[in-house]
Protein backbone atom coordinates (compact mmCIF):
# COMPACT_ATOMS: atom_id res chain seq x y z
CA MET A 1 -19.38 10.09 0.03
CA LEU A 2 -18.04 11.73 -3.13
CA VAL A 3 -17.87 10.37 -6.68
CA ASP A 4 -15.05 11.11 -9.11
CA SER A 5 -17.19 11.27 -12.25
CA HIS A 6 -14.27 11.43 -14.69
CA CYS A 7 -10.76 10.01 -14.37
CA HIS A 8 -8.33 8.06 -16.53
CA LEU A 9 -7.13 5.10 -14.48
CA ASP A 10 -5.55 3.56 -17.57
CA TYR A 11 -3.20 6.55 -17.79
CA LEU A 12 -2.22 6.07 -14.15
CA GLN A 13 -1.62 2.39 -14.85
CA ARG A 14 0.49 3.33 -17.87
CA ASP A 15 2.58 5.53 -15.59
CA GLY A 16 3.29 2.61 -13.27
CA ARG A 17 0.78 3.36 -10.53
CA ASP A 18 -0.72 0.50 -8.53
CA LEU A 19 -4.42 0.93 -9.31
CA ASP A 20 -5.56 -1.09 -6.33
CA ALA A 21 -3.65 1.32 -4.11
CA VAL A 22 -5.06 4.33 -5.98
CA VAL A 23 -8.62 3.09 -5.54
CA ASP A 24 -8.03 2.19 -1.88
CA THR A 25 -6.63 5.66 -1.19
CA ALA A 26 -9.69 7.19 -2.82
CA HIS A 27 -12.04 5.07 -0.74
CA ARG A 28 -10.22 6.08 2.45
CA ALA A 29 -10.73 9.70 1.40
CA ASN A 30 -14.48 8.95 1.18
CA VAL A 31 -14.50 8.86 -2.61
CA GLY A 32 -16.79 5.88 -2.89
CA ALA A 33 -17.05 5.48 -6.67
CA MET A 34 -15.37 6.64 -9.87
CA VAL A 35 -15.71 6.46 -13.64
CA THR A 36 -12.66 5.65 -15.74
CA ILE A 37 -13.07 7.20 -19.16
CA CYS A 38 -12.40 5.67 -22.57
CA THR A 39 -10.58 7.88 -25.09
CA LYS A 40 -9.79 5.24 -27.73
CA VAL A 41 -12.26 2.55 -28.67
CA THR A 42 -9.28 0.38 -29.65
CA GLU A 43 -8.31 0.39 -25.96
CA PHE A 44 -11.79 -0.28 -24.63
CA GLU A 45 -10.90 -3.76 -23.42
CA THR A 46 -8.22 -2.28 -21.15
CA ILE A 47 -10.70 0.25 -19.75
CA ARG A 48 -13.37 -2.41 -19.31
CA GLY A 49 -10.91 -4.69 -17.54
CA ILE A 50 -9.92 -1.98 -15.06
CA SER A 51 -13.56 -1.45 -14.21
CA ALA A 52 -14.63 -5.08 -14.16
CA GLY A 53 -12.07 -6.06 -11.57
CA ARG A 54 -12.96 -3.40 -9.00
CA ASP A 55 -16.08 -2.56 -7.01
CA ASN A 56 -17.65 0.84 -7.69
CA VAL A 57 -15.31 1.60 -10.58
CA TRP A 58 -17.37 2.18 -13.71
CA CYS A 59 -16.30 2.96 -17.26
CA THR A 60 -17.38 4.52 -20.53
CA VAL A 61 -16.85 3.76 -24.21
CA GLY A 62 -15.89 6.35 -26.79
CA ILE A 63 -13.31 8.25 -28.82
CA HIS A 64 -11.80 11.53 -27.64
CA PRO A 65 -11.86 14.30 -30.29
CA HIS A 66 -8.04 14.23 -30.31
CA GLU A 67 -8.25 10.64 -31.57
CA ALA A 68 -11.10 11.06 -34.08
CA GLY A 69 -8.67 11.19 -36.99
CA THR A 70 -6.60 8.14 -36.05
CA GLU A 71 -9.05 5.72 -34.45
CA PRO A 72 -11.23 3.53 -36.72
CA GLU A 73 -14.35 5.41 -37.79
CA ILE A 74 -16.96 4.71 -35.16
CA THR A 75 -20.66 4.15 -35.67
CA ALA A 76 -23.47 4.60 -33.20
CA GLU A 77 -24.33 0.94 -33.68
CA ARG A 78 -20.87 -0.15 -32.57
CA LEU A 79 -20.94 2.15 -29.55
CA VAL A 80 -24.36 0.82 -28.57
CA GLU A 81 -23.08 -2.73 -28.88
CA LEU A 82 -20.07 -2.07 -26.65
CA ALA A 83 -22.20 -0.16 -24.16
CA GLN A 84 -24.14 -3.34 -23.37
CA ASP A 85 -21.25 -4.32 -21.09
CA PRO A 86 -22.58 -4.09 -17.51
CA ASN A 87 -19.68 -1.87 -16.44
CA VAL A 88 -20.28 0.81 -19.10
CA VAL A 89 -22.25 3.74 -17.69
CA GLY A 90 -21.55 6.50 -20.23
CA ILE A 91 -20.79 7.32 -23.87
CA GLY A 92 -17.55 9.19 -24.60
CA GLU A 93 -15.38 11.06 -24.02
CA THR A 94 -16.36 12.82 -27.22
CA GLY A 95 -16.80 16.37 -28.43
CA LEU A 96 -14.83 19.10 -30.17
CA ASP A 97 -11.34 20.46 -29.51
CA TYR A 98 -10.30 23.41 -31.67
CA TYR A 99 -7.42 24.38 -29.37
CA TYR A 100 -5.07 21.55 -30.31
CA GLU A 101 -6.92 20.30 -33.42
CA HIS A 102 -5.14 16.94 -33.34
CA SER A 103 -7.94 15.69 -35.62
CA PRO A 104 -9.69 17.44 -38.53
CA ARG A 105 -12.80 19.32 -37.44
CA GLU A 106 -15.14 17.47 -39.77
CA GLN A 107 -14.00 14.11 -38.41
CA GLN A 108 -14.49 15.38 -34.86
CA LYS A 109 -18.03 16.48 -35.73
CA LYS A 110 -18.93 13.19 -37.42
CA SER A 111 -17.63 11.20 -34.44
CA PHE A 112 -19.43 13.54 -32.03
CA ARG A 113 -22.78 12.96 -33.73
CA ALA A 114 -22.28 9.18 -33.71
CA HIS A 115 -21.70 9.31 -29.95
CA ILE A 116 -24.80 11.46 -29.46
CA GLN A 117 -26.91 8.95 -31.36
CA ALA A 118 -25.54 6.17 -29.14
CA ALA A 119 -26.36 8.18 -26.01
CA ARG A 120 -29.90 8.71 -27.28
CA GLU A 121 -30.38 5.01 -28.04
CA THR A 122 -28.88 3.71 -24.79
CA GLY A 123 -30.03 6.43 -22.41
CA LEU A 124 -26.47 6.65 -21.10
CA PRO A 125 -25.02 10.12 -20.53
CA LEU A 126 -22.90 11.70 -23.25
CA ILE A 127 -19.50 12.78 -21.87
CA VAL A 128 -18.65 16.02 -23.68
CA HIS A 129 -15.18 17.51 -24.10
CA THR A 130 -15.20 21.02 -25.54
CA ARG A 131 -12.31 23.45 -25.87
CA ASP A 132 -12.32 26.63 -27.95
CA ALA A 133 -15.40 25.22 -29.70
CA ASP A 134 -18.36 26.45 -27.67
CA GLU A 135 -20.52 27.62 -30.58
CA ASP A 136 -20.13 24.47 -32.68
CA THR A 137 -20.54 22.28 -29.60
CA VAL A 138 -23.85 23.91 -28.65
CA GLU A 139 -25.05 23.95 -32.25
CA ILE A 140 -24.52 20.20 -32.60
CA LEU A 141 -25.91 19.36 -29.15
CA GLU A 142 -29.07 21.38 -29.72
CA ASP A 143 -29.53 20.13 -33.28
CA GLU A 144 -29.26 16.55 -32.08
CA MET A 145 -31.55 17.25 -29.13
CA GLY A 146 -34.20 18.15 -31.68
CA LYS A 147 -34.02 14.57 -32.98
CA GLY A 148 -34.73 13.12 -29.54
CA ALA A 149 -33.62 13.82 -25.99
CA TYR A 150 -30.51 12.34 -24.43
CA PRO A 151 -28.63 12.92 -21.14
CA GLY A 152 -25.22 14.55 -21.06
CA VAL A 153 -22.34 15.94 -19.03
CA ILE A 154 -20.05 18.84 -19.89
CA HIS A 155 -16.86 17.40 -18.47
CA CYS A 156 -14.06 19.46 -16.91
CA PHE A 157 -15.95 22.71 -17.30
CA SER A 158 -13.60 25.50 -18.37
CA SER A 159 -15.75 27.37 -20.87
CA SER A 160 -18.08 30.34 -20.96
CA ALA A 161 -21.11 31.08 -18.83
CA TRP A 162 -23.05 31.01 -22.09
CA LEU A 163 -22.10 27.37 -22.71
CA ALA A 164 -23.01 26.45 -19.13
CA GLN A 165 -26.41 28.13 -19.44
CA ARG A 166 -27.24 26.48 -22.77
CA SER A 167 -26.10 23.10 -21.45
CA VAL A 168 -28.18 23.37 -18.29
CA ALA A 169 -31.16 24.37 -20.43
CA MET A 170 -30.76 21.02 -22.22
CA GLY A 171 -30.75 19.25 -18.86
CA PHE A 172 -27.01 18.51 -18.88
CA ALA A 173 -24.75 18.24 -15.86
CA ILE A 174 -21.72 20.50 -15.49
CA SER A 175 -18.74 18.60 -14.09
CA ILE A 176 -16.19 20.59 -12.11
CA SER A 177 -12.49 19.71 -12.05
CA GLY A 178 -9.49 20.99 -10.12
CA ILE A 179 -9.34 24.00 -12.46
CA LEU A 180 -11.92 25.59 -10.14
CA THR A 181 -9.21 25.90 -7.46
CA PHE A 182 -6.65 27.61 -9.70
CA LYS A 183 -5.82 31.24 -8.91
CA SER A 184 -6.30 32.16 -12.57
CA ALA A 185 -9.80 30.65 -12.81
CA GLN A 186 -11.96 33.48 -11.45
CA GLU A 187 -14.02 33.68 -14.65
CA ILE A 188 -14.80 29.97 -14.37
CA ARG A 189 -15.75 30.37 -10.72
CA ASP A 190 -18.09 33.21 -11.68
CA SER A 191 -19.75 30.99 -14.29
CA VAL A 192 -20.04 27.99 -11.96
CA ALA A 193 -21.60 30.16 -9.26
CA GLU A 194 -24.66 30.49 -11.50
CA VAL A 195 -25.09 26.75 -12.16
CA PRO A 196 -27.84 25.14 -10.05
CA LEU A 197 -26.64 22.61 -7.49
CA GLU A 198 -28.78 19.91 -9.08
CA ASN A 199 -26.71 20.17 -12.28
CA LEU A 200 -23.27 19.87 -10.70
CA LEU A 201 -20.82 16.97 -10.58
CA VAL A 202 -17.19 16.82 -9.44
CA GLU A 203 -14.26 15.10 -11.12
CA THR A 204 -10.48 14.93 -11.22
CA ASP A 205 -9.68 14.23 -14.89
CA ALA A 206 -6.75 12.36 -13.30
CA PRO A 207 -3.87 12.20 -13.92
CA TYR A 208 -4.26 15.83 -15.05
CA LEU A 209 -5.25 19.10 -13.34
CA ALA A 210 -4.41 18.35 -9.71
CA PRO A 211 -6.27 20.86 -7.54
CA VAL A 212 -4.81 23.24 -4.99
CA PRO A 213 -3.20 22.19 -2.62
CA LYS A 214 -1.92 19.24 -4.70
CA ARG A 215 -0.57 21.28 -7.63
CA GLY A 216 2.63 19.80 -9.06
CA ARG A 217 1.60 16.25 -8.19
CA GLN A 218 -0.01 13.64 -10.41
CA ASN A 219 -3.75 13.91 -9.91
CA GLU A 220 -5.73 10.93 -8.61
CA PRO A 221 -9.34 10.27 -7.56
CA ALA A 222 -8.70 10.94 -3.86
CA PHE A 223 -7.91 14.56 -4.70
CA VAL A 224 -11.47 15.29 -5.81
CA VAL A 225 -12.18 16.17 -2.17
CA HIS A 226 -10.25 19.43 -2.60
CA THR A 227 -12.29 20.44 -5.65
CA ALA A 228 -15.48 19.57 -3.78
CA GLU A 229 -14.43 21.71 -0.80
CA ARG A 230 -13.81 24.72 -3.04
CA LEU A 231 -17.08 24.14 -4.88
CA ALA A 232 -18.98 23.95 -1.58
CA GLU A 233 -17.46 27.27 -0.53
CA LEU A 234 -18.39 28.84 -3.85
CA LYS A 235 -21.99 27.59 -3.64
CA GLY A 236 -22.38 28.60 0.01
CA VAL A 237 -23.07 25.12 1.38
CA ASP A 238 -21.14 22.87 3.73
CA ALA A 239 -18.91 20.11 2.39
CA ALA A 240 -21.26 17.33 3.52
CA THR A 241 -24.20 18.87 1.67
CA LEU A 242 -22.13 19.32 -1.47
CA ALA A 243 -21.02 15.69 -1.28
CA ASP A 244 -24.58 14.47 -0.83
CA VAL A 245 -25.94 16.58 -3.69
CA THR A 246 -23.23 15.79 -6.23
CA THR A 247 -23.39 12.09 -5.38
CA ASP A 248 -27.17 12.08 -5.81
CA ASN A 249 -26.67 13.93 -9.10
CA PHE A 250 -24.16 11.35 -10.26
CA TYR A 251 -26.50 8.42 -9.74
CA ARG A 252 -29.31 10.34 -11.42
CA TYR A 253 -27.29 11.12 -14.55
CA PHE A 254 -25.34 7.86 -14.56
CA SER A 255 -28.43 5.81 -13.88
CA LYS A 256 -26.85 2.50 -14.91
CA ALA A 257 -24.28 2.76 -12.09
CA VAL A 258 -25.34 0.82 -9.01
CA ARG A 259 -25.15 2.88 -5.86
CA PRO A 260 -23.27 1.27 -2.93
CA VAL A 261 -25.68 0.06 -0.27
CA SER A 262 -24.04 2.13 2.47
CA ALA A 263 -24.31 5.30 0.37
CA ALA A 264 -27.93 4.56 -0.51
CA ALA A 265 -28.66 4.15 3.20
CA GLY A 266 -26.99 7.48 3.99
CA ALA A 267 -24.27 5.81 6.05
């Protein structure tokens, strides 16, 4: 069994996809669970509803850095309150994006710290988006870690080996998307090769970043199998071992998610 640790089922729904069919296709591909990620707290009820109506589909609550300037200012207290929902297993997606800078940097940083506080208080993993902002991301993460430990995930890893090393040193997971399969991603593959297996997760970030051999198609949770196959090759393990390890890692980091009985039994 594999787990898609980061997808956006609400975006697929927006694009007219039948989510029941998407989830069923994933399950038939042996993707037994997935997390649909919140990017706007004003749309949390939609995200929660997608999760609540489907077995082994979990969700998060948070504000993407792109939306930090347009969403209502969020507090840790409000995030903690919303995270009490039984389907919420993570805090975010949050972080810093200096590539697009759709929101002012200071607002991104303030939102980021509020999410970190919520992760610390709830014990739920912080879902971190970082692009062209490695130094500020690490500075904030480490500063906040000094106030009290919290779990975290660097989602859709596409950054430097330095960021991966500093994140692993904090106990974070590194989540690998379809970017790993891209011809142009050798530097990322070199960085990921140094990440311990026990710190790795796999994801799609669907509907974006479809892996080889699905390039040109809308990404979906079933396609995480292709990323996992390439990651297994890179790490020098067989696909079954990689699936077992990353699934175990998922339920360790996302400890609020309930593991399917068949997966827990090793079936």
